[in-house]
């Protein structure tokens, strides 16, 4: 079984709905058999590449999806391109980014994204489930924030602390604040120290 990602240029960040509609429209078209202009990004992408006018579809085996997807996300960002993941129904925009350079987004279903855009972080938090049992933003060697279903929020900067937050929107607010360098989430919740 194979899975796909699609990369292309967009002048501004787009929503998941827009990315999904673009992907579905492109999939209804025929691939270019002898493209006149092959984009530079093609030589950097792993997997099987299929060209459509203005769009590149990357196919990979399900077994290599996590590793290869991370490579595709990185290549797309380096080329300033949007990347849509139809399996997870997530769009990776070029911007806006958080303030922590090198920050990584990790999910319990195997996705790893370096320097994720804030829209992706927002959307990924909505995928918490038994199939995706955690979402974490990690600044290795400095601090991290993680959440699991039931909205148990963990934050570590020296000491590991935990709080139960009331709903997904509060989780999204806390992650956004963390990613943008704000610390309001520390004052809004009842945190408890946790043994390491």
C-alpha atoms as a PDB file:
ATOM      1  CA  UNK A   1       0.000   0.000   0.000  1.00  0.00           C
ATOM      2  CA  UNK A   2       1.287   3.482  -0.815  1.00  0.00           C
ATOM      3  CA  UNK A   3       0.532   6.897   0.634  1.00  0.00           C
ATOM      4  CA  UNK A   4       0.939  10.360  -0.853  1.00  0.00           C
ATOM      5  CA  UNK A   5       1.914  13.917  -0.074  1.00  0.00           C
ATOM      6  CA  UNK A   6       1.506  16.855  -2.433  1.00  0.00           C
ATOM      7  CA  UNK A   7       3.672  19.985  -2.606  1.00  0.00           C
ATOM      8  CA  UNK A   8       3.087  23.232  -4.473  1.00  0.00           C
ATOM      9  CA  UNK A   9       3.504  26.975  -4.239  1.00  0.00           C
ATOM     10  CA  UNK A  10       0.978  29.224  -2.493  1.00  0.00           C
ATOM     11  CA  UNK A  11       1.482  32.974  -1.967  1.00  0.00           C
ATOM     12  CA  UNK A  12      -0.078  32.931   1.536  1.00  0.00           C
ATOM     13  CA  UNK A  13      -0.853  30.264   4.172  1.00  0.00           C
ATOM     14  CA  UNK A  14      -3.927  28.182   3.328  1.00  0.00           C
ATOM     15  CA  UNK A  15      -6.407  26.174   5.383  1.00  0.00           C
ATOM     16  CA  UNK A  16      -6.815  22.407   5.457  1.00  0.00           C
ATOM     17  CA  UNK A  17     -10.053  22.780   3.500  1.00  0.00           C
ATOM     18  CA  UNK A  18      -8.278  24.735   0.764  1.00  0.00           C
ATOM     19  CA  UNK A  19      -5.399  22.248   0.664  1.00  0.00           C
ATOM     20  CA  UNK A  20      -7.762  19.279   0.524  1.00  0.00           C
ATOM     21  CA  UNK A  21      -9.776  20.873  -2.308  1.00  0.00           C
ATOM     22  CA  UNK A  22      -6.582  21.582  -4.250  1.00  0.00           C
ATOM     23  CA  UNK A  23      -5.327  18.027  -3.761  1.00  0.00           C
ATOM     24  CA  UNK A  24      -8.634  16.503  -4.893  1.00  0.00           C
ATOM     25  CA  UNK A  25      -8.776  18.775  -7.950  1.00  0.00           C
ATOM     26  CA  UNK A  26      -5.202  17.858  -8.933  1.00  0.00           C
ATOM     27  CA  UNK A  27      -5.881  14.127  -8.471  1.00  0.00           C
ATOM     28  CA  UNK A  28      -8.701  14.424 -11.044  1.00  0.00           C
ATOM     29  CA  UNK A  29      -6.183  15.619 -13.664  1.00  0.00           C
ATOM     30  CA  UNK A  30      -3.773  13.537 -15.691  1.00  0.00           C
ATOM     31  CA  UNK A  31      -0.085  13.635 -14.721  1.00  0.00           C
ATOM     32  CA  UNK A  32       2.292  15.354 -17.094  1.00  0.00           C
ATOM     33  CA  UNK A  33       3.906  12.694 -19.277  1.00  0.00           C
ATOM     34  CA  UNK A  34       6.757  14.882 -20.559  1.00  0.00           C
ATOM     35  CA  UNK A  35       6.784  18.042 -18.458  1.00  0.00           C
ATOM     36  CA  UNK A  36       8.223  21.111 -20.116  1.00  0.00           C
ATOM     37  CA  UNK A  37       9.517  22.530 -16.846  1.00  0.00           C
ATOM     38  CA  UNK A  38      10.557  20.247 -13.977  1.00  0.00           C
ATOM     39  CA  UNK A  39      10.609  22.146 -10.654  1.00  0.00           C
ATOM     40  CA  UNK A  40      13.925  22.270  -8.758  1.00  0.00           C
ATOM     41  CA  UNK A  41      12.270  20.658  -5.733  1.00  0.00           C
ATOM     42  CA  UNK A  42      11.858  17.350  -7.603  1.00  0.00           C
ATOM     43  CA  UNK A  43      15.540  16.419  -7.362  1.00  0.00           C
ATOM     44  CA  UNK A  44      15.443  16.810  -3.557  1.00  0.00           C
ATOM     45  CA  UNK A  45      12.268  14.817  -2.877  1.00  0.00           C
ATOM     46  CA  UNK A  46      12.382  11.166  -1.776  1.00  0.00           C
ATOM     47  CA  UNK A  47       9.912   8.569  -3.016  1.00  0.00           C
ATOM     48  CA  UNK A  48       8.158   8.280  -6.358  1.00  0.00           C
ATOM     49  CA  UNK A  49       7.433  11.713  -7.810  1.00  0.00           C
ATOM     50  CA  UNK A  50       4.549  12.431 -10.194  1.00  0.00           C
ATOM     51  CA  UNK A  51       4.219  15.851 -11.802  1.00  0.00           C
ATOM     52  CA  UNK A  52       0.924  17.612 -12.385  1.00  0.00           C
ATOM     53  CA  UNK A  53       0.772  21.194 -13.678  1.00  0.00           C
ATOM     54  CA  UNK A  54       2.119  23.308 -10.800  1.00  0.00           C
ATOM     55  CA  UNK A  55       1.986  20.420  -8.310  1.00  0.00           C
ATOM     56  CA  UNK A  56       4.197  17.512  -7.285  1.00  0.00           C
ATOM     57  CA  UNK A  57       2.729  14.325  -5.804  1.00  0.00           C
ATOM     58  CA  UNK A  58       5.144  12.185  -3.779  1.00  0.00           C
ATOM     59  CA  UNK A  59       4.224   8.519  -3.241  1.00  0.00           C
ATOM     60  CA  UNK A  60       5.847   6.265  -0.651  1.00  0.00           C
ATOM     61  CA  UNK A  61       5.290   2.928   1.044  1.00  0.00           C
ATOM     62  CA  UNK A  62       3.230   2.883   4.212  1.00  0.00           C
ATOM     63  CA  UNK A  63       6.201   1.288   6.016  1.00  0.00           C
ATOM     64  CA  UNK A  64       8.447   4.290   5.240  1.00  0.00           C
ATOM     65  CA  UNK A  65       5.770   6.979   5.571  1.00  0.00           C
ATOM     66  CA  UNK A  66       6.931   8.567   8.836  1.00  0.00           C
ATOM     67  CA  UNK A  67      10.586   8.877   7.859  1.00  0.00           C
ATOM     68  CA  UNK A  68       9.948   9.938   4.274  1.00  0.00           C
ATOM     69  CA  UNK A  69       7.165  12.367   5.215  1.00  0.00           C
ATOM     70  CA  UNK A  70       9.566  14.185   7.535  1.00  0.00           C
ATOM     71  CA  UNK A  71      12.001  14.493   4.617  1.00  0.00           C
ATOM     72  CA  UNK A  72       9.277  15.787   2.280  1.00  0.00           C
ATOM     73  CA  UNK A  73       8.105  18.360   4.865  1.00  0.00           C
ATOM     74  CA  UNK A  74      11.695  19.594   5.266  1.00  0.00           C
ATOM     75  CA  UNK A  75      12.338  19.798   1.511  1.00  0.00           C
ATOM     76  CA  UNK A  76       9.024  21.567   0.866  1.00  0.00           C
ATOM     77  CA  UNK A  77       9.791  24.175   3.540  1.00  0.00           C
ATOM     78  CA  UNK A  78      13.317  24.711   2.186  1.00  0.00           C
ATOM     79  CA  UNK A  79      11.785  25.450  -1.231  1.00  0.00           C
ATOM     80  CA  UNK A  80       9.038  27.654   0.235  1.00  0.00           C
ATOM     81  CA  UNK A  81       6.257  25.238  -0.737  1.00  0.00           C
ATOM     82  CA  UNK A  82       3.047  24.091   0.911  1.00  0.00           C
ATOM     83  CA  UNK A  83       2.749  20.381   1.665  1.00  0.00           C
ATOM     84  CA  UNK A  84      -0.563  18.573   2.086  1.00  0.00           C
ATOM     85  CA  UNK A  85      -0.839  15.217   3.847  1.00  0.00           C
ATOM     86  CA  UNK A  86      -4.140  13.621   2.738  1.00  0.00           C
ATOM     87  CA  UNK A  87      -3.736  10.633   5.097  1.00  0.00           C
ATOM     88  CA  UNK A  88      -3.792  12.903   8.149  1.00  0.00           C
ATOM     89  CA  UNK A  89      -5.728  15.735   6.426  1.00  0.00           C
ATOM     90  CA  UNK A  90      -3.077  18.255   7.492  1.00  0.00           C
ATOM     91  CA  UNK A  91      -1.482  21.143   5.628  1.00  0.00           C
ATOM     92  CA  UNK A  92       2.075  22.313   6.263  1.00  0.00           C
ATOM     93  CA  UNK A  93       2.397  26.005   5.433  1.00  0.00           C
ATOM     94  CA  UNK A  94       5.666  27.894   5.232  1.00  0.00           C
ATOM     95  CA  UNK A  95       4.570  30.417   7.889  1.00  0.00           C
ATOM     96  CA  UNK A  96       3.814  31.707  10.465  1.00  0.00           C
ATOM     97  CA  UNK A  97       6.349  29.952  12.685  1.00  0.00           C
ATOM     98  CA  UNK A  98       6.950  29.992  16.410  1.00  0.00           C
ATOM     99  CA  UNK A  99       9.845  31.845  18.023  1.00  0.00           C
ATOM    100  CA  UNK A 100      11.909  28.791  18.973  1.00  0.00           C
ATOM    101  CA  UNK A 101      14.194  27.985  16.052  1.00  0.00           C
ATOM    102  CA  UNK A 102      14.621  24.229  15.682  1.00  0.00           C
ATOM    103  CA  UNK A 103      11.406  23.434  17.567  1.00  0.00           C
ATOM    104  CA  UNK A 104       9.974  20.025  16.687  1.00  0.00           C
ATOM    105  CA  UNK A 105       6.400  18.792  16.588  1.00  0.00           C
ATOM    106  CA  UNK A 106       5.997  15.118  17.542  1.00  0.00           C
ATOM    107  CA  UNK A 107       2.776  13.118  17.459  1.00  0.00           C
ATOM    108  CA  UNK A 108       1.868   9.734  18.873  1.00  0.00           C
ATOM    109  CA  UNK A 109       1.074   8.470  15.380  1.00  0.00           C
ATOM    110  CA  UNK A 110       4.644   8.987  14.200  1.00  0.00           C
ATOM    111  CA  UNK A 111       4.743  12.442  12.617  1.00  0.00           C
ATOM    112  CA  UNK A 112       7.820  14.596  13.237  1.00  0.00           C
ATOM    113  CA  UNK A 113       8.009  18.111  11.820  1.00  0.00           C
ATOM    114  CA  UNK A 114      10.923  20.518  12.279  1.00  0.00           C
ATOM    115  CA  UNK A 115       9.896  24.166  12.725  1.00  0.00           C
ATOM    116  CA  UNK A 116       6.144  23.523  12.293  1.00  0.00           C
ATOM    117  CA  UNK A 117       3.912  26.395  11.287  1.00  0.00           C
ATOM    118  CA  UNK A 118       1.421  27.572  13.902  1.00  0.00           C
ATOM    119  CA  UNK A 119      -1.593  26.505  11.817  1.00  0.00           C
ATOM    120  CA  UNK A 120      -0.277  22.947  11.657  1.00  0.00           C
ATOM    121  CA  UNK A 121       0.193  22.871  15.444  1.00  0.00           C
ATOM    122  CA  UNK A 122      -3.398  24.083  15.873  1.00  0.00           C
ATOM    123  CA  UNK A 123      -4.786  21.436  13.506  1.00  0.00           C
ATOM    124  CA  UNK A 124      -2.672  18.558  14.863  1.00  0.00           C
ATOM    125  CA  UNK A 125      -4.027  19.147  18.366  1.00  0.00           C
ATOM    126  CA  UNK A 126      -7.478  18.302  17.001  1.00  0.00           C
ATOM    127  CA  UNK A 127      -6.237  14.812  16.070  1.00  0.00           C
ATOM    128  CA  UNK A 128      -5.688  13.599  19.651  1.00  0.00           C
ATOM    129  CA  UNK A 129      -7.221  10.135  19.891  1.00  0.00           C
ATOM    130  CA  UNK A 130      -6.300   6.543  20.747  1.00  0.00           C
ATOM    131  CA  UNK A 131      -4.502   6.448  17.343  1.00  0.00           C
ATOM    132  CA  UNK A 132      -2.625   9.653  18.205  1.00  0.00           C
ATOM    133  CA  UNK A 133      -2.135   9.526  21.983  1.00  0.00           C
ATOM    134  CA  UNK A 134       0.028  12.651  22.361  1.00  0.00           C
ATOM    135  CA  UNK A 135       1.183  15.853  20.709  1.00  0.00           C
ATOM    136  CA  UNK A 136       4.415  17.530  21.826  1.00  0.00           C
ATOM    137  CA  UNK A 137       6.338  20.658  20.950  1.00  0.00           C
ATOM    138  CA  UNK A 138       9.961  20.069  21.862  1.00  0.00           C
ATOM    139  CA  UNK A 139      12.923  22.412  22.118  1.00  0.00           C
ATOM    140  CA  UNK A 140      15.578  19.808  22.830  1.00  0.00           C
ATOM    141  CA  UNK A 141      17.805  20.555  25.800  1.00  0.00           C
ATOM    142  CA  UNK A 142      15.646  23.516  26.868  1.00  0.00           C
ATOM    143  CA  UNK A 143      11.932  22.857  27.384  1.00  0.00           C
ATOM    144  CA  UNK A 144       8.840  21.123  26.011  1.00  0.00           C
ATOM    145  CA  UNK A 145       5.042  21.056  26.147  1.00  0.00           C
ATOM    146  CA  UNK A 146       2.988  17.909  25.654  1.00  0.00           C
ATOM    147  CA  UNK A 147      -0.681  16.961  25.825  1.00  0.00           C
ATOM    148  CA  UNK A 148      -2.507  13.648  25.869  1.00  0.00           C
ATOM    149  CA  UNK A 149      -6.220  12.824  25.497  1.00  0.00           C
ATOM    150  CA  UNK A 150      -8.187  14.017  28.503  1.00  0.00           C
ATOM    151  CA  UNK A 151      -6.280  17.279  28.080  1.00  0.00           C
ATOM    152  CA  UNK A 152      -3.507  16.486  30.520  1.00  0.00           C
ATOM    153  CA  UNK A 153      -0.964  19.181  29.738  1.00  0.00           C
ATOM    154  CA  UNK A 154       2.692  18.731  30.682  1.00  0.00           C
ATOM    155  CA  UNK A 155       5.339  21.437  30.622  1.00  0.00           C
ATOM    156  CA  UNK A 156       9.000  21.070  31.442  1.00  0.00           C
ATOM    157  CA  UNK A 157      11.570  23.781  31.818  1.00  0.00           C
ATOM    158  CA  UNK A 158      13.749  22.425  34.582  1.00  0.00           C
ATOM    159  CA  UNK A 159      10.869  20.869  36.548  1.00  0.00           C
ATOM    160  CA  UNK A 160       8.139  18.744  35.002  1.00  0.00           C
ATOM    161  CA  UNK A 161       4.686  20.089  35.862  1.00  0.00           C
ATOM    162  CA  UNK A 162       1.193  18.882  34.916  1.00  0.00           C
ATOM    163  CA  UNK A 163      -2.265  20.408  34.729  1.00  0.00           C
ATOM    164  CA  UNK A 164      -5.630  19.190  33.523  1.00  0.00           C
ATOM    165  CA  UNK A 165      -7.145  21.810  31.212  1.00  0.00           C
ATOM    166  CA  UNK A 166     -10.866  22.053  30.477  1.00  0.00           C
ATOM    167  CA  UNK A 167     -11.033  21.751  26.692  1.00  0.00           C
ATOM    168  CA  UNK A 168      -9.264  21.577  23.351  1.00  0.00           C
ATOM    169  CA  UNK A 169      -9.421  25.346  22.795  1.00  0.00           C
ATOM    170  CA  UNK A 170      -7.494  25.937  26.020  1.00  0.00           C
ATOM    171  CA  UNK A 171      -4.915  23.344  24.910  1.00  0.00           C
ATOM    172  CA  UNK A 172      -4.588  25.181  21.578  1.00  0.00           C
ATOM    173  CA  UNK A 173      -4.191  28.508  23.383  1.00  0.00           C
ATOM    174  CA  UNK A 174      -1.478  27.088  25.660  1.00  0.00           C
ATOM    175  CA  UNK A 175       0.432  25.537  22.735  1.00  0.00           C
ATOM    176  CA  UNK A 176       0.178  28.779  20.754  1.00  0.00           C
ATOM    177  CA  UNK A 177       1.495  30.779  23.693  1.00  0.00           C
ATOM    178  CA  UNK A 178       4.319  28.316  24.232  1.00  0.00           C
ATOM    179  CA  UNK A 179       5.282  28.361  20.538  1.00  0.00           C
ATOM    180  CA  UNK A 180       5.258  32.160  20.383  1.00  0.00           C
ATOM    181  CA  UNK A 181       7.226  32.667  23.594  1.00  0.00           C
ATOM    182  CA  UNK A 182       4.334  33.797  25.768  1.00  0.00           C
ATOM    183  CA  UNK A 183       3.844  32.248  29.210  1.00  0.00           C
ATOM    184  CA  UNK A 184       0.228  33.104  30.138  1.00  0.00           C
ATOM    185  CA  UNK A 185      -0.590  29.387  30.301  1.00  0.00           C
ATOM    186  CA  UNK A 186       1.582  29.094  33.431  1.00  0.00           C
ATOM    187  CA  UNK A 187      -0.672  31.504  35.362  1.00  0.00           C
ATOM    188  CA  UNK A 188      -4.045  30.236  34.134  1.00  0.00           C
ATOM    189  CA  UNK A 189      -3.812  26.634  35.315  1.00  0.00           C
ATOM    190  CA  UNK A 190      -3.287  24.743  38.563  1.00  0.00           C
ATOM    191  CA  UNK A 191       0.045  23.035  37.956  1.00  0.00           C
ATOM    192  CA  UNK A 192       1.461  20.214  40.042  1.00  0.00           C
ATOM    193  CA  UNK A 193       5.116  19.153  40.182  1.00  0.00           C
ATOM    194  CA  UNK A 194       5.673  15.667  38.862  1.00  0.00           C
ATOM    195  CA  UNK A 195       8.503  13.327  39.772  1.00  0.00           C
ATOM    196  CA  UNK A 196      10.874  12.749  36.882  1.00  0.00           C
END
